[in-house]
C-alpha atoms as a PDB file:
ATOM      1  CA  MET A   1       0.000   0.000   0.000  1.00  0.00           C
ATOM      2  CA  SER A   2       0.929   3.530  -0.581  1.00  0.00           C
ATOM      3  CA  ASP A   3       0.779   6.600   1.666  1.00  0.00           C
ATOM      4  CA  GLN A   4      -0.446   8.784  -1.175  1.00  0.00           C
ATOM      5  CA  ASP A   5      -3.961  10.137  -1.301  1.00  0.00           C
ATOM      6  CA  PRO A   6      -5.740   8.080  -3.893  1.00  0.00           C
ATOM      7  CA  GLY A   7      -8.056  10.935  -4.849  1.00  0.00           C
ATOM      8  CA  GLY A   8      -5.176  12.999  -6.098  1.00  0.00           C
ATOM      9  CA  LEU A   9      -6.852  16.269  -5.167  1.00  0.00           C
ATOM     10  CA  PRO A  10      -4.374  19.046  -4.475  1.00  0.00           C
ATOM     11  CA  GLU A  11      -4.441  20.604  -1.021  1.00  0.00           C
ATOM     12  CA  VAL A  12      -5.761  24.171  -1.015  1.00  0.00           C
ATOM     13  CA  VAL A  13      -3.305  26.584   0.608  1.00  0.00           C
ATOM     14  CA  ARG A  14      -4.975  29.645   1.986  1.00  0.00           C
ATOM     15  CA  PRO A  15      -2.891  32.784   2.515  1.00  0.00           C
ATOM     16  CA  ARG A  16      -2.234  33.606   6.165  1.00  0.00           C
ATOM     17  CA  ARG A  17      -4.408  36.356   7.432  1.00  0.00           C
ATOM     18  CA  ARG A  18      -2.436  39.162   9.088  1.00  0.00           C
ATOM     19  CA  ARG A  19      -3.493  40.061  12.551  1.00  0.00           C
ATOM     20  CA  LEU A  20      -4.643  43.632  12.954  1.00  0.00           C
ATOM     21  CA  TRP A  21      -4.688  43.948  16.769  1.00  0.00           C
ATOM     22  CA  PRO A  22      -0.887  44.337  17.234  1.00  0.00           C
ATOM     23  CA  TRP A  23      -0.923  47.388  14.953  1.00  0.00           C
ATOM     24  CA  VAL A  24      -3.921  48.875  16.724  1.00  0.00           C
ATOM     25  CA  LEU A  25      -2.213  48.332  20.082  1.00  0.00           C
ATOM     26  CA  LEU A  26       0.984  49.931  18.805  1.00  0.00           C
ATOM     27  CA  LEU A  27      -0.910  53.001  17.597  1.00  0.00           C
ATOM     28  CA  ALA A  28      -2.823  53.190  20.885  1.00  0.00           C
ATOM     29  CA  VAL A  29       0.519  53.470  22.703  1.00  0.00           C
ATOM     30  CA  LEU A  30       2.477  55.654  20.268  1.00  0.00           C
ATOM     31  CA  VAL A  31      -0.123  58.351  19.601  1.00  0.00           C
ATOM     32  CA  PRO A  32      -0.599  59.379  23.280  1.00  0.00           C
ATOM     33  CA  ALA A  33       3.164  59.116  23.868  1.00  0.00           C
ATOM     34  CA  GLY A  34       3.827  61.423  20.927  1.00  0.00           C
ATOM     35  CA  ALA A  35       1.195  63.898  22.139  1.00  0.00           C
ATOM     36  CA  ALA A  36       2.755  63.863  25.624  1.00  0.00           C
ATOM     37  CA  ALA A  37       6.209  64.520  24.153  1.00  0.00           C
ATOM     38  CA  VAL A  38       4.877  67.513  22.217  1.00  0.00           C
ATOM     39  CA  ALA A  39       3.146  68.863  25.346  1.00  0.00           C
ATOM     40  CA  VAL A  40       6.344  68.520  27.390  1.00  0.00           C
ATOM     41  CA  GLU A  41       8.305  70.356  24.700  1.00  0.00           C
ATOM     42  CA  VAL A  42       5.791  73.220  24.643  1.00  0.00           C
ATOM     43  CA  VAL A  43       5.806  73.559  28.449  1.00  0.00           C
ATOM     44  CA  ALA A  44       9.612  73.361  28.559  1.00  0.00           C
ATOM     45  CA  GLY A  45       9.809  76.153  25.998  1.00  0.00           C
ATOM     46  CA  GLU A  46       7.484  78.336  28.049  1.00  0.00           C
ATOM     47  CA  LEU A  47       9.411  77.689  31.263  1.00  0.00           C
ATOM     48  CA  SER A  48      12.688  78.376  29.505  1.00  0.00           C
ATOM     49  CA  GLY A  49      11.396  81.808  28.552  1.00  0.00           C
ATOM     50  CA  GLU A  50      10.259  82.396  32.122  1.00  0.00           C
ATOM     51  CA  GLY A  51      13.659  81.297  33.397  1.00  0.00           C
ATOM     52  CA  THR A  52      15.393  84.351  31.937  1.00  0.00           C
ATOM     53  CA  ARG A  53      12.777  86.988  32.713  1.00  0.00           C
ATOM     54  CA  PRO A  54      13.904  89.394  35.484  1.00  0.00           C
ATOM     55  CA  LEU A  55      11.496  89.778  38.405  1.00  0.00           C
ATOM     56  CA  ARG A  56      11.271  92.313  41.215  1.00  0.00           C
ATOM     57  CA  ILE A  57       9.471  91.189  44.372  1.00  0.00           C
ATOM     58  CA  THR A  58       8.501  93.788  46.966  1.00  0.00           C
ATOM     59  CA  TYR A  59       7.596  92.855  50.566  1.00  0.00           C
ATOM     60  CA  GLU A  60       5.764  95.203  52.961  1.00  0.00           C
ATOM     61  CA  VAL A  61       4.648  94.961  56.590  1.00  0.00           C
ATOM     62  CA  THR A  62       2.501  97.483  58.456  1.00  0.00           C
ATOM     63  CA  GLY A  63       0.739  97.376  61.801  1.00  0.00           C
ATOM     64  CA  THR A  64       0.823  98.115  65.500  1.00  0.00           C
ATOM     65  CA  ALA A  65       2.758  95.066  66.729  1.00  0.00           C
ATOM     66  CA  GLU A  66       6.083  95.866  68.383  1.00  0.00           C
ATOM     67  CA  ASP A  67       7.569  92.360  68.390  1.00  0.00           C
ATOM     68  CA  VAL A  68       7.441  90.651  64.965  1.00  0.00           C
ATOM     69  CA  THR A  69       9.480  88.101  63.053  1.00  0.00           C
ATOM     70  CA  ILE A  70       9.505  88.357  59.271  1.00  0.00           C
ATOM     71  CA  THR A  71      10.389  85.370  57.073  1.00  0.00           C
ATOM     72  CA  TYR A  72      10.602  85.598  53.282  1.00  0.00           C
ATOM     73  CA  PRO A  73      12.349  83.900  50.329  1.00  0.00           C
ATOM     74  CA  THR A  74      15.351  85.474  48.630  1.00  0.00           C
ATOM     75  CA  TRP A  75      17.216  84.425  45.517  1.00  0.00           C
ATOM     76  CA  GLN A  76      20.956  84.876  45.259  1.00  0.00           C
ATOM     77  CA  ASN A  77      23.003  83.607  42.321  1.00  0.00           C
ATOM     78  CA  GLY A  78      20.145  81.358  41.252  1.00  0.00           C
ATOM     79  CA  PHE A  79      19.706  79.718  44.655  1.00  0.00           C
ATOM     80  CA  LEU A  80      16.702  80.004  46.943  1.00  0.00           C
ATOM     81  CA  SER A  81      17.298  80.931  50.566  1.00  0.00           C
ATOM     82  CA  THR A  82      15.183  82.210  53.436  1.00  0.00           C
ATOM     83  CA  ALA A  83      15.687  85.533  55.178  1.00  0.00           C
ATOM     84  CA  ARG A  84      14.512  85.970  58.770  1.00  0.00           C
ATOM     85  CA  LEU A  85      14.572  89.252  60.638  1.00  0.00           C
ATOM     86  CA  SER A  86      12.988  91.065  63.569  1.00  0.00           C
ATOM     87  CA  PRO A  87      12.636  94.773  62.837  1.00  0.00           C
ATOM     88  CA  ARG A  88      12.360  97.157  65.790  1.00  0.00           C
ATOM     89  CA  THR A  89       9.592  99.271  64.259  1.00  0.00           C
ATOM     90  CA  LEU A  90       6.907  99.010  61.617  1.00  0.00           C
ATOM     91  CA  PRO A  91       6.324  99.747  58.782  1.00  0.00           C
ATOM     92  CA  TRP A  92       8.998  97.638  57.099  1.00  0.00           C
ATOM     93  CA  ALA A  93       9.660  97.109  53.382  1.00  0.00           C
ATOM     94  CA  GLY A  94      12.106  94.929  51.505  1.00  0.00           C
ATOM     95  CA  GLU A  95      12.820  94.020  47.921  1.00  0.00           C
ATOM     96  CA  THR A  96      14.540  91.196  46.112  1.00  0.00           C
ATOM     97  CA  ARG A  97      15.353  90.721  42.462  1.00  0.00           C
ATOM     98  CA  THR A  98      15.611  87.435  40.679  1.00  0.00           C
ATOM     99  CA  ARG A  99      15.498  85.885  37.269  1.00  0.00           C
ATOM    100  CA  GLY A 100      13.226  83.103  36.419  1.00  0.00           C
ATOM    101  CA  PHE A 101      10.080  81.278  37.124  1.00  0.00           C
ATOM    102  CA  MET A 102       8.724  81.783  40.597  1.00  0.00           C
ATOM    103  CA  ASN A 103       5.641  80.151  42.016  1.00  0.00           C
ATOM    104  CA  GLY A 104       4.637  79.305  45.533  1.00  0.00           C
ATOM    105  CA  GLY A 105       6.668  81.825  47.526  1.00  0.00           C
ATOM    106  CA  SER A 106       5.652  82.403  51.141  1.00  0.00           C
ATOM    107  CA  PHE A 107       6.074  85.651  53.113  1.00  0.00           C
ATOM    108  CA  ALA A 108       5.173  85.305  56.801  1.00  0.00           C
ATOM    109  CA  VAL A 109       4.948  87.835  59.620  1.00  0.00           C
ATOM    110  CA  THR A 110       4.608  86.377  63.121  1.00  0.00           C
ATOM    111  CA  ILE A 111       3.570  88.531  66.067  1.00  0.00           C
ATOM    112  CA  GLY A 112       5.412  88.001  69.336  1.00  0.00           C
ATOM    113  CA  ALA A 113       4.088  87.660  72.894  1.00  0.00           C
ATOM    114  CA  SER A 114       3.273  91.368  73.204  1.00  0.00           C
ATOM    115  CA  GLY A 115       0.472  91.058  70.627  1.00  0.00           C
ATOM    116  CA  GLY A 116      -0.765  93.719  68.223  1.00  0.00           C
ATOM    117  CA  ALA A 117      -1.848  93.628  64.600  1.00  0.00           C
ATOM    118  CA  VAL A 118       0.035  93.297  61.300  1.00  0.00           C
ATOM    119  CA  ALA A 119      -0.687  93.331  57.594  1.00  0.00           C
ATOM    120  CA  CYS A 120       1.647  91.917  54.941  1.00  0.00           C
ATOM    121  CA  ALA A 121       1.725  92.504  51.203  1.00  0.00           C
ATOM    122  CA  VAL A 122       3.797  91.034  48.369  1.00  0.00           C
ATOM    123  CA  THR A 123       3.911  92.585  44.917  1.00  0.00           C
ATOM    124  CA  VAL A 124       5.552  90.949  41.884  1.00  0.00           C
ATOM    125  CA  ASP A 125       6.455  92.753  38.639  1.00  0.00           C
ATOM    126  CA  ASP A 126       3.654  91.071  36.736  1.00  0.00           C
ATOM    127  CA  GLY A 127       1.113  92.676  39.071  1.00  0.00           C
ATOM    128  CA  THR A 128       0.596  89.666  41.324  1.00  0.00           C
ATOM    129  CA  VAL A 129      -0.387  90.993  44.755  1.00  0.00           C
ATOM    130  CA  ARG A 130      -0.928  88.912  47.880  1.00  0.00           C
ATOM    131  CA  THR A 131      -2.086  90.352  51.202  1.00  0.00           C
ATOM    132  CA  ALA A 132      -2.916  88.998  54.649  1.00  0.00           C
ATOM    133  CA  THR A 133      -3.584  90.277  58.166  1.00  0.00           C
ATOM    134  CA  ALA A 134      -3.254  88.904  61.678  1.00  0.00           C
ATOM    135  CA  SER A 135      -3.763  90.129  65.227  1.00  0.00           C
ATOM    136  CA  GLY A 136      -3.064  88.844  68.727  1.00  0.00           C
ATOM    137  CA  ALA A 137      -0.119  87.222  70.432  1.00  0.00           C
ATOM    138  CA  PHE A 138       1.737  84.639  68.301  1.00  0.00           C
ATOM    139  CA  ALA A 139      -0.583  85.121  65.303  1.00  0.00           C
ATOM    140  CA  THR A 140       0.890  84.862  61.783  1.00  0.00           C
ATOM    141  CA  ALA A 141      -0.056  86.716  58.604  1.00  0.00           C
ATOM    142  CA  THR A 142       1.028  84.712  55.559  1.00  0.00           C
ATOM    143  CA  CYS A 143       1.141  86.047  52.006  1.00  0.00           C
ATOM    144  CA  ASP A 144       1.789  83.033  49.791  1.00  0.00           C
ATOM    145  CA  GLY A 145       1.331  81.737  46.280  1.00  0.00           C
ATOM    146  CA  PHE A 146       3.185  84.541  44.545  1.00  0.00           C
END
């Protein structure tokens, strides 16, 4: 006996069907990743422009309190530091200059044990103004988010 098919009919070879889901999955990953890369580039460009813009920040304290502690951010040679002082009399004003993007600064005036009232104000070149008030012993007026 023979192993050959006696009918002699040729076997039909069908072409392999390509799967579509790997390409759809690849597009589903690459399109959002590309959009995110473009968004990051746009934001980086904006921040780069902000990084060279000179800023002038003015701090002011008024009030009747005789014992206060003032804490505010300063920028020197591109580094952030904190200044703390206790002026003998109010009103008090200070100014710092910096270059670059600034967001989230905090200017705080704390009243000592003798009590009284204070008001703080921060003004940034772009017109951003933050104000706060406090009264009583150990109360704090905080101007933040500038």
